Amino acid sequence: MICQLVSPEKNFQLDDVYYVQVPGTKGSFGVLQKHAPLASTLEPGIIKVVQTQGGELLFNIPQGGFIKILDDTVTIITEEVEQTF
C-alpha cells in the first residue's frame, strides 16, 4: 500500500506501508491493504504509519484535513504536515 501526505509546503510519499491510523472526525480509524474506497474529513492530531518492514512513522496534522482511500493508495491532504519523532 502507498501513503501520500500532501500539503502546500511538504509532501511525503511512503511506499510499502502495512497500516495507517488517522484521527477521523468521528474518532480514530485504521486502514489496511485492500480497504474499501473511502473519503473522509480528519481532525487535528497524529497520523501513525506502520511500514511493512516494521518501522513506524508519526506525522502531526495540526489543522486537520481530508483522507481519500482508493486502489491501495491512502492520500491525506492537509494545510500543514510535520513529521514527529
N, C-alpha and C. Protein backbone atom coordinates (compact mmCIF):
# COMPACT_ATOMS: atom_id res chain seq x y z
N MET A 1 0.85 -1.17 0.00
CA MET A 1 0.00 0.00 0.00
C MET A 1 0.90 1.24 0.00
N ILE A 2 0.40 2.30 -0.57
CA ILE A 2 1.13 3.58 -0.64
C ILE A 2 0.39 4.60 0.22
N CYS A 3 1.16 5.43 0.93
CA CYS A 3 0.57 6.51 1.72
C CYS A 3 1.21 7.83 1.27
N GLN A 4 0.35 8.76 0.84
CA GLN A 4 0.82 10.08 0.42
C GLN A 4 0.27 11.12 1.40
N LEU A 5 1.14 11.99 1.89
CA LEU A 5 0.73 13.12 2.72
C LEU A 5 1.07 14.38 1.93
N VAL A 6 0.04 15.16 1.62
CA VAL A 6 0.19 16.29 0.71
C VAL A 6 -0.20 17.58 1.41
N SER A 7 0.70 18.57 1.36
CA SER A 7 0.41 19.90 1.88
C SER A 7 1.06 20.91 0.93
N PRO A 8 0.71 22.19 1.04
CA PRO A 8 1.32 23.17 0.15
C PRO A 8 2.84 23.26 0.27
N GLU A 9 3.40 22.98 1.46
CA GLU A 9 4.83 23.14 1.66
C GLU A 9 5.63 21.85 1.68
N LYS A 10 5.01 20.73 2.11
CA LYS A 10 5.73 19.47 2.21
C LYS A 10 4.88 18.34 1.66
N ASN A 11 5.53 17.41 1.00
CA ASN A 11 4.87 16.20 0.52
C ASN A 11 5.70 14.99 0.94
N PHE A 12 5.03 13.95 1.39
CA PHE A 12 5.69 12.70 1.74
C PHE A 12 5.00 11.59 0.95
N GLN A 13 5.79 10.71 0.35
CA GLN A 13 5.23 9.51 -0.25
C GLN A 13 5.93 8.32 0.37
N LEU A 14 5.15 7.46 1.00
CA LEU A 14 5.69 6.29 1.67
C LEU A 14 5.19 5.05 0.95
N ASP A 15 6.11 4.28 0.44
CA ASP A 15 5.77 3.03 -0.24
C ASP A 15 5.88 1.88 0.75
N ASP A 16 5.28 0.77 0.42
CA ASP A 16 5.39 -0.44 1.23
C ASP A 16 4.87 -0.22 2.66
N VAL A 17 3.65 0.32 2.75
CA VAL A 17 3.01 0.61 4.02
C VAL A 17 2.06 -0.53 4.39
N TYR A 18 2.09 -0.94 5.65
CA TYR A 18 1.22 -2.01 6.14
C TYR A 18 -0.08 -1.46 6.73
N TYR A 19 0.01 -0.34 7.50
CA TYR A 19 -1.14 0.16 8.25
C TYR A 19 -1.02 1.68 8.42
N VAL A 20 -2.16 2.37 8.35
CA VAL A 20 -2.21 3.81 8.58
C VAL A 20 -3.34 4.08 9.57
N GLN A 21 -3.05 4.83 10.64
CA GLN A 21 -4.07 5.22 11.61
C GLN A 21 -4.21 6.73 11.56
N VAL A 22 -5.47 7.22 11.44
CA VAL A 22 -5.72 8.65 11.29
C VAL A 22 -6.77 9.12 12.30
N PRO A 23 -6.75 10.43 12.62
CA PRO A 23 -7.75 11.00 13.54
C PRO A 23 -9.00 11.44 12.77
N GLY A 24 -9.94 10.55 12.59
CA GLY A 24 -11.16 10.87 11.88
C GLY A 24 -12.05 11.81 12.67
N THR A 25 -12.99 12.44 12.00
CA THR A 25 -13.90 13.38 12.65
C THR A 25 -14.75 12.70 13.70
N LYS A 26 -15.14 11.45 13.48
CA LYS A 26 -15.98 10.70 14.43
C LYS A 26 -15.14 9.75 15.30
N GLY A 27 -13.82 9.89 15.24
CA GLY A 27 -12.93 9.04 16.03
C GLY A 27 -11.82 8.47 15.17
N SER A 28 -10.80 7.99 15.81
CA SER A 28 -9.64 7.42 15.12
C SER A 28 -10.03 6.15 14.38
N PHE A 29 -9.44 5.94 13.19
CA PHE A 29 -9.66 4.69 12.46
C PHE A 29 -8.41 4.29 11.71
N GLY A 30 -8.34 3.02 11.35
CA GLY A 30 -7.17 2.47 10.69
C GLY A 30 -7.47 1.97 9.31
N VAL A 31 -6.42 1.89 8.49
CA VAL A 31 -6.53 1.46 7.10
C VAL A 31 -5.49 0.37 6.86
N LEU A 32 -5.94 -0.76 6.34
CA LEU A 32 -5.06 -1.85 5.91
C LEU A 32 -5.18 -2.00 4.39
N GLN A 33 -4.33 -2.84 3.82
CA GLN A 33 -4.38 -3.11 2.38
C GLN A 33 -5.78 -3.56 1.98
N LYS A 34 -6.16 -3.24 0.76
CA LYS A 34 -7.44 -3.62 0.16
C LYS A 34 -8.64 -3.04 0.89
N HIS A 35 -8.43 -1.90 1.56
CA HIS A 35 -9.53 -1.21 2.23
C HIS A 35 -10.54 -0.73 1.19
N ALA A 36 -11.79 -0.71 1.54
CA ALA A 36 -12.83 -0.21 0.65
C ALA A 36 -12.58 1.28 0.35
N PRO A 37 -12.96 1.73 -0.85
CA PRO A 37 -12.81 3.16 -1.16
C PRO A 37 -13.54 4.02 -0.13
N LEU A 38 -12.91 5.14 0.23
CA LEU A 38 -13.45 5.98 1.28
C LEU A 38 -12.91 7.40 1.13
N ALA A 39 -13.73 8.38 1.46
CA ALA A 39 -13.30 9.77 1.59
C ALA A 39 -13.87 10.29 2.90
N SER A 40 -13.05 11.01 3.68
CA SER A 40 -13.49 11.48 4.99
C SER A 40 -12.70 12.71 5.38
N THR A 41 -13.24 13.44 6.34
CA THR A 41 -12.52 14.56 6.93
C THR A 41 -11.69 14.05 8.11
N LEU A 42 -10.65 14.81 8.42
CA LEU A 42 -9.76 14.46 9.54
C LEU A 42 -9.69 15.62 10.52
N GLU A 43 -9.61 15.27 11.78
CA GLU A 43 -9.42 16.26 12.85
C GLU A 43 -7.92 16.50 13.03
N PRO A 44 -7.54 17.60 13.68
CA PRO A 44 -6.12 17.76 14.03
C PRO A 44 -5.67 16.60 14.90
N GLY A 45 -4.45 16.16 14.70
CA GLY A 45 -3.93 15.06 15.50
C GLY A 45 -2.74 14.37 14.85
N ILE A 46 -2.49 13.16 15.30
CA ILE A 46 -1.32 12.38 14.87
C ILE A 46 -1.75 11.28 13.90
N ILE A 47 -0.98 11.16 12.83
CA ILE A 47 -1.14 10.05 11.87
C ILE A 47 -0.01 9.07 12.13
N LYS A 48 -0.36 7.80 12.31
CA LYS A 48 0.65 6.76 12.52
C LYS A 48 0.71 5.90 11.26
N VAL A 49 1.93 5.73 10.74
CA VAL A 49 2.16 4.91 9.55
C VAL A 49 3.09 3.78 9.95
N VAL A 50 2.61 2.54 9.80
CA VAL A 50 3.43 1.36 10.09
C VAL A 50 3.85 0.75 8.76
N GLN A 51 5.15 0.67 8.56
CA GLN A 51 5.68 0.13 7.31
C GLN A 51 5.72 -1.39 7.36
N THR A 52 5.71 -2.01 6.20
CA THR A 52 5.71 -3.47 6.11
C THR A 52 6.92 -4.06 6.81
N GLN A 53 8.05 -3.39 6.77
CA GLN A 53 9.27 -3.88 7.40
C GLN A 53 9.26 -3.70 8.91
N GLY A 54 8.20 -3.05 9.45
CA GLY A 54 8.09 -2.91 10.90
C GLY A 54 8.38 -1.53 11.45
N GLY A 55 8.91 -0.63 10.65
CA GLY A 55 9.17 0.72 11.14
C GLY A 55 7.88 1.49 11.31
N GLU A 56 7.90 2.46 12.22
CA GLU A 56 6.71 3.28 12.49
C GLU A 56 7.08 4.76 12.37
N LEU A 57 6.26 5.51 11.64
CA LEU A 57 6.47 6.94 11.47
C LEU A 57 5.24 7.67 11.99
N LEU A 58 5.46 8.84 12.61
CA LEU A 58 4.37 9.65 13.12
C LEU A 58 4.40 11.02 12.46
N PHE A 59 3.21 11.51 12.09
CA PHE A 59 3.07 12.81 11.46
C PHE A 59 1.98 13.58 12.20
N ASN A 60 2.21 14.88 12.43
CA ASN A 60 1.22 15.73 13.07
C ASN A 60 0.52 16.57 11.99
N ILE A 61 -0.82 16.58 12.04
CA ILE A 61 -1.59 17.48 11.16
C ILE A 61 -2.36 18.44 12.07
N PRO A 62 -1.76 19.59 12.39
CA PRO A 62 -2.34 20.49 13.40
C PRO A 62 -3.65 21.15 12.99
N GLN A 63 -3.99 21.12 11.70
CA GLN A 63 -5.23 21.77 11.26
C GLN A 63 -6.23 20.79 10.66
N GLY A 64 -6.00 19.50 10.82
CA GLY A 64 -6.91 18.51 10.23
C GLY A 64 -6.72 18.43 8.73
N GLY A 65 -7.68 17.84 8.04
CA GLY A 65 -7.56 17.70 6.60
C GLY A 65 -8.57 16.70 6.05
N PHE A 66 -8.17 16.04 4.98
CA PHE A 66 -9.03 15.07 4.29
C PHE A 66 -8.24 13.81 3.97
N ILE A 67 -8.93 12.68 3.91
CA ILE A 67 -8.31 11.42 3.51
C ILE A 67 -9.12 10.81 2.37
N LYS A 68 -8.39 10.26 1.39
CA LYS A 68 -9.02 9.51 0.31
C LYS A 68 -8.31 8.17 0.22
N ILE A 69 -9.09 7.09 0.18
CA ILE A 69 -8.55 5.75 0.05
C ILE A 69 -9.09 5.15 -1.23
N LEU A 70 -8.20 4.76 -2.14
CA LEU A 70 -8.61 4.19 -3.41
C LEU A 70 -7.47 3.36 -3.98
N ASP A 71 -7.77 2.14 -4.37
CA ASP A 71 -6.79 1.26 -5.05
C ASP A 71 -5.48 1.11 -4.27
N ASP A 72 -5.57 0.78 -2.99
CA ASP A 72 -4.40 0.59 -2.14
C ASP A 72 -3.50 1.82 -2.04
N THR A 73 -4.09 3.00 -2.22
CA THR A 73 -3.37 4.26 -2.03
C THR A 73 -4.15 5.11 -1.05
N VAL A 74 -3.47 5.54 0.01
CA VAL A 74 -4.05 6.42 1.01
C VAL A 74 -3.48 7.81 0.76
N THR A 75 -4.34 8.77 0.45
CA THR A 75 -3.91 10.14 0.20
C THR A 75 -4.49 11.03 1.29
N ILE A 76 -3.62 11.74 1.98
CA ILE A 76 -4.03 12.66 3.04
C ILE A 76 -3.66 14.07 2.59
N ILE A 77 -4.68 14.93 2.54
CA ILE A 77 -4.47 16.31 2.10
C ILE A 77 -4.72 17.21 3.30
N THR A 78 -3.75 18.07 3.59
CA THR A 78 -3.82 18.93 4.77
C THR A 78 -3.09 20.24 4.51
N GLU A 79 -3.39 21.24 5.29
CA GLU A 79 -2.74 22.54 5.15
C GLU A 79 -1.29 22.48 5.65
N GLU A 80 -1.04 21.64 6.66
CA GLU A 80 0.30 21.55 7.25
C GLU A 80 0.54 20.14 7.76
N VAL A 81 1.73 19.61 7.50
CA VAL A 81 2.10 18.28 8.00
C VAL A 81 3.53 18.35 8.51
N GLU A 82 3.74 17.79 9.69
CA GLU A 82 5.06 17.78 10.31
C GLU A 82 5.39 16.36 10.75
N GLN A 83 6.57 15.87 10.37
CA GLN A 83 6.98 14.55 10.85
C GLN A 83 7.48 14.71 12.28
N THR A 84 6.98 13.83 13.17
CA THR A 84 7.43 13.85 14.57
C THR A 84 8.27 12.62 14.82
N PHE A 85 9.02 12.63 15.90
CA PHE A 85 9.92 11.51 16.18
C PHE A 85 9.61 10.86 17.48
